[in-house]
Amino acid sequence: MSQAIKSQAINTSTTGSSLADILERVLDKGIVIAGDITVSVGSVELLSIRIRLLVASVDKAKEIGINWWESDPYLSSRTQELLASNQQLLERVNLLERELAAVRQLEGNQEK
């Protein structure tokens, strides 16, 4: 009789599941963790922090409309190219602003 008791296993939700299986299920469905932290002294709120965390696969995130990493220059393979292009544009804007200021100054001198 003791052998019959030993052979019966208690089934749990994680029986037979490896960490990889659990992670695959979480990433397939997604999980959201949300929380608010407030620090107050008396009735004066000093600090309020809202925390939102989404854990999902890339495919699931795209499916629900989240794809910020595709346009983030720091996560793109074109980071250096984008930064150089932005620097050139800033230099051109600065040059145009200086030229515009010089033209306005000339116009102001001609009116006097």
C-alpha atoms as a PDB file:
ATOM      1  CA  MET A   1       0.000   0.000   0.000  1.00  0.00           C
ATOM      2  CA  SER A   2       2.884   2.368   0.655  1.00  0.00           C
ATOM      3  CA  GLN A   3       4.037   1.897  -2.948  1.00  0.00           C
ATOM      4  CA  ALA A   4       0.617   3.059  -4.221  1.00  0.00           C
ATOM      5  CA  ILE A   5       0.825   6.205  -2.140  1.00  0.00           C
ATOM      6  CA  LYS A   6       4.386   6.950  -3.293  1.00  0.00           C
ATOM      7  CA  SER A   7       3.503   6.545  -6.972  1.00  0.00           C
ATOM      8  CA  GLN A   8       0.693   9.087  -6.871  1.00  0.00           C
ATOM      9  CA  ALA A   9       2.051  12.563  -7.493  1.00  0.00           C
ATOM     10  CA  ILE A  10       0.337  15.746  -6.515  1.00  0.00           C
ATOM     11  CA  ASN A  11      -0.424  17.734  -9.647  1.00  0.00           C
ATOM     12  CA  THR A  12       0.224  21.435  -9.481  1.00  0.00           C
ATOM     13  CA  SER A  13       0.033  24.155 -12.093  1.00  0.00           C
ATOM     14  CA  THR A  14       3.802  23.992 -12.582  1.00  0.00           C
ATOM     15  CA  THR A  15       4.183  20.215 -12.665  1.00  0.00           C
ATOM     16  CA  GLY A  16       6.022  19.291 -15.820  1.00  0.00           C
ATOM     17  CA  SER A  17       6.615  22.925 -16.743  1.00  0.00           C
ATOM     18  CA  SER A  18      10.104  24.225 -17.087  1.00  0.00           C
ATOM     19  CA  LEU A  19      11.054  27.851 -16.725  1.00  0.00           C
ATOM     20  CA  ALA A  20      11.203  28.070 -20.523  1.00  0.00           C
ATOM     21  CA  ASP A  21       7.595  26.827 -20.798  1.00  0.00           C
ATOM     22  CA  ILE A  22       6.371  29.361 -18.262  1.00  0.00           C
ATOM     23  CA  LEU A  23       8.299  32.187 -19.933  1.00  0.00           C
ATOM     24  CA  GLU A  24       6.896  31.199 -23.326  1.00  0.00           C
ATOM     25  CA  ARG A  25       3.338  31.350 -21.948  1.00  0.00           C
ATOM     26  CA  VAL A  26       3.927  34.747 -20.322  1.00  0.00           C
ATOM     27  CA  LEU A  27       5.505  36.204 -23.449  1.00  0.00           C
ATOM     28  CA  ASP A  28       2.757  34.769 -25.666  1.00  0.00           C
ATOM     29  CA  LYS A  29      -0.060  36.287 -23.614  1.00  0.00           C
ATOM     30  CA  GLY A  30       1.774  39.216 -22.056  1.00  0.00           C
ATOM     31  CA  ILE A  31       1.638  40.418 -18.486  1.00  0.00           C
ATOM     32  CA  VAL A  32       1.098  43.899 -17.108  1.00  0.00           C
ATOM     33  CA  ILE A  33       2.349  45.038 -13.732  1.00  0.00           C
ATOM     34  CA  ALA A  34       1.066  48.395 -12.525  1.00  0.00           C
ATOM     35  CA  GLY A  35       1.587  50.298  -9.329  1.00  0.00           C
ATOM     36  CA  ASP A  36       1.489  53.732  -7.771  1.00  0.00           C
ATOM     37  CA  ILE A  37       3.816  54.970  -5.049  1.00  0.00           C
ATOM     38  CA  THR A  38       2.977  58.107  -3.106  1.00  0.00           C
ATOM     39  CA  VAL A  39       5.108  59.705  -0.396  1.00  0.00           C
ATOM     40  CA  SER A  40       3.234  62.117   1.838  1.00  0.00           C
ATOM     41  CA  VAL A  41       3.878  63.993   5.038  1.00  0.00           C
ATOM     42  CA  GLY A  42       0.618  64.785   6.715  1.00  0.00           C
ATOM     43  CA  SER A  43      -1.722  65.812   3.931  1.00  0.00           C
ATOM     44  CA  VAL A  44       1.072  67.139   1.700  1.00  0.00           C
ATOM     45  CA  GLU A  45       2.024  64.865  -1.165  1.00  0.00           C
ATOM     46  CA  LEU A  46       5.779  65.070  -1.703  1.00  0.00           C
ATOM     47  CA  LEU A  47       6.318  62.477  -4.396  1.00  0.00           C
ATOM     48  CA  SER A  48       4.121  60.443  -6.709  1.00  0.00           C
ATOM     49  CA  ILE A  49       5.465  57.707  -8.968  1.00  0.00           C
ATOM     50  CA  ARG A  50       3.400  55.706 -11.448  1.00  0.00           C
ATOM     51  CA  ILE A  51       4.976  52.442 -12.539  1.00  0.00           C
ATOM     52  CA  ARG A  52       3.722  50.475 -15.534  1.00  0.00           C
ATOM     53  CA  LEU A  53       5.551  47.401 -16.817  1.00  0.00           C
ATOM     54  CA  LEU A  54       4.568  45.255 -19.770  1.00  0.00           C
ATOM     55  CA  VAL A  55       6.306  41.949 -20.361  1.00  0.00           C
ATOM     56  CA  ALA A  56       5.476  40.435 -23.737  1.00  0.00           C
ATOM     57  CA  SER A  57       7.076  39.074 -26.858  1.00  0.00           C
ATOM     58  CA  VAL A  58       7.926  41.450 -29.681  1.00  0.00           C
ATOM     59  CA  ASP A  59       5.164  39.939 -31.806  1.00  0.00           C
ATOM     60  CA  LYS A  60       2.571  40.383 -29.037  1.00  0.00           C
ATOM     61  CA  ALA A  61       3.731  43.953 -28.385  1.00  0.00           C
ATOM     62  CA  LYS A  62       3.387  44.810 -32.088  1.00  0.00           C
ATOM     63  CA  GLU A  63      -0.025  43.156 -32.114  1.00  0.00           C
ATOM     64  CA  ILE A  64      -1.244  45.491 -29.368  1.00  0.00           C
ATOM     65  CA  GLY A  65       0.336  48.541 -31.012  1.00  0.00           C
ATOM     66  CA  ILE A  66       3.567  48.976 -29.082  1.00  0.00           C
ATOM     67  CA  ASN A  67       6.666  49.378 -31.274  1.00  0.00           C
ATOM     68  CA  TRP A  68       8.658  52.309 -29.851  1.00  0.00           C
ATOM     69  CA  TRP A  69      11.962  50.463 -30.264  1.00  0.00           C
ATOM     70  CA  GLU A  70      11.647  50.660 -34.060  1.00  0.00           C
ATOM     71  CA  SER A  71      11.980  54.446 -34.038  1.00  0.00           C
ATOM     72  CA  ASP A  72      14.326  54.869 -31.046  1.00  0.00           C
ATOM     73  CA  PRO A  73      17.668  56.054 -32.493  1.00  0.00           C
ATOM     74  CA  TYR A  74      19.632  54.551 -29.609  1.00  0.00           C
ATOM     75  CA  LEU A  75      18.278  51.074 -30.367  1.00  0.00           C
ATOM     76  CA  SER A  76      18.682  51.349 -34.125  1.00  0.00           C
ATOM     77  CA  SER A  77      21.650  50.076 -36.106  1.00  0.00           C
ATOM     78  CA  ARG A  78      21.641  53.486 -37.814  1.00  0.00           C
ATOM     79  CA  THR A  79      22.320  55.369 -34.573  1.00  0.00           C
ATOM     80  CA  GLN A  80      25.588  56.981 -35.670  1.00  0.00           C
ATOM     81  CA  GLU A  81      24.156  57.931 -39.063  1.00  0.00           C
ATOM     82  CA  LEU A  82      21.104  59.532 -37.439  1.00  0.00           C
ATOM     83  CA  LEU A  83      23.195  61.400 -34.880  1.00  0.00           C
ATOM     84  CA  ALA A  84      25.496  62.761 -37.620  1.00  0.00           C
ATOM     85  CA  SER A  85      22.499  63.810 -39.706  1.00  0.00           C
ATOM     86  CA  ASN A  86      20.928  65.564 -36.705  1.00  0.00           C
ATOM     87  CA  GLN A  87      24.201  67.385 -35.994  1.00  0.00           C
ATOM     88  CA  GLN A  88      24.385  68.609 -39.618  1.00  0.00           C
ATOM     89  CA  LEU A  89      20.797  69.840 -39.441  1.00  0.00           C
ATOM     90  CA  LEU A  90      21.479  71.707 -36.193  1.00  0.00           C
ATOM     91  CA  GLU A  91      24.521  73.381 -37.731  1.00  0.00           C
ATOM     92  CA  ARG A  92      22.453  74.434 -40.775  1.00  0.00           C
ATOM     93  CA  VAL A  93      19.703  75.842 -38.550  1.00  0.00           C
ATOM     94  CA  ASN A  94      22.269  77.801 -36.529  1.00  0.00           C
ATOM     95  CA  LEU A  95      23.825  79.183 -39.736  1.00  0.00           C
ATOM     96  CA  LEU A  96      20.410  80.220 -41.067  1.00  0.00           C
ATOM     97  CA  GLU A  97      19.533  81.908 -37.772  1.00  0.00           C
ATOM     98  CA  ARG A  98      22.808  83.872 -37.826  1.00  0.00           C
ATOM     99  CA  GLU A  99      22.207  84.919 -41.453  1.00  0.00           C
ATOM    100  CA  LEU A 100      18.649  85.965 -40.616  1.00  0.00           C
ATOM    101  CA  ALA A 101      19.885  88.022 -37.663  1.00  0.00           C
ATOM    102  CA  ALA A 102      22.472  89.712 -39.923  1.00  0.00           C
ATOM    103  CA  VAL A 103      19.815  90.514 -42.541  1.00  0.00           C
ATOM    104  CA  ARG A 104      17.510  91.983 -39.882  1.00  0.00           C
ATOM    105  CA  GLN A 105      20.373  94.053 -38.524  1.00  0.00           C
ATOM    106  CA  LEU A 106      21.140  95.401 -42.017  1.00  0.00           C
ATOM    107  CA  GLU A 107      17.480  96.231 -42.566  1.00  0.00           C
ATOM    108  CA  GLY A 108      17.400  98.014 -39.224  1.00  0.00           C
ATOM    109  CA  ASN A 109      20.502 100.063 -40.138  1.00  0.00           C
ATOM    110  CA  GLN A 110      19.050 101.028 -43.539  1.00  0.00           C
ATOM    111  CA  GLU A 111      15.842 102.343 -41.968  1.00  0.00           C
ATOM    112  CA  LYS A 112      17.786 104.778 -39.761  1.00  0.00           C
END
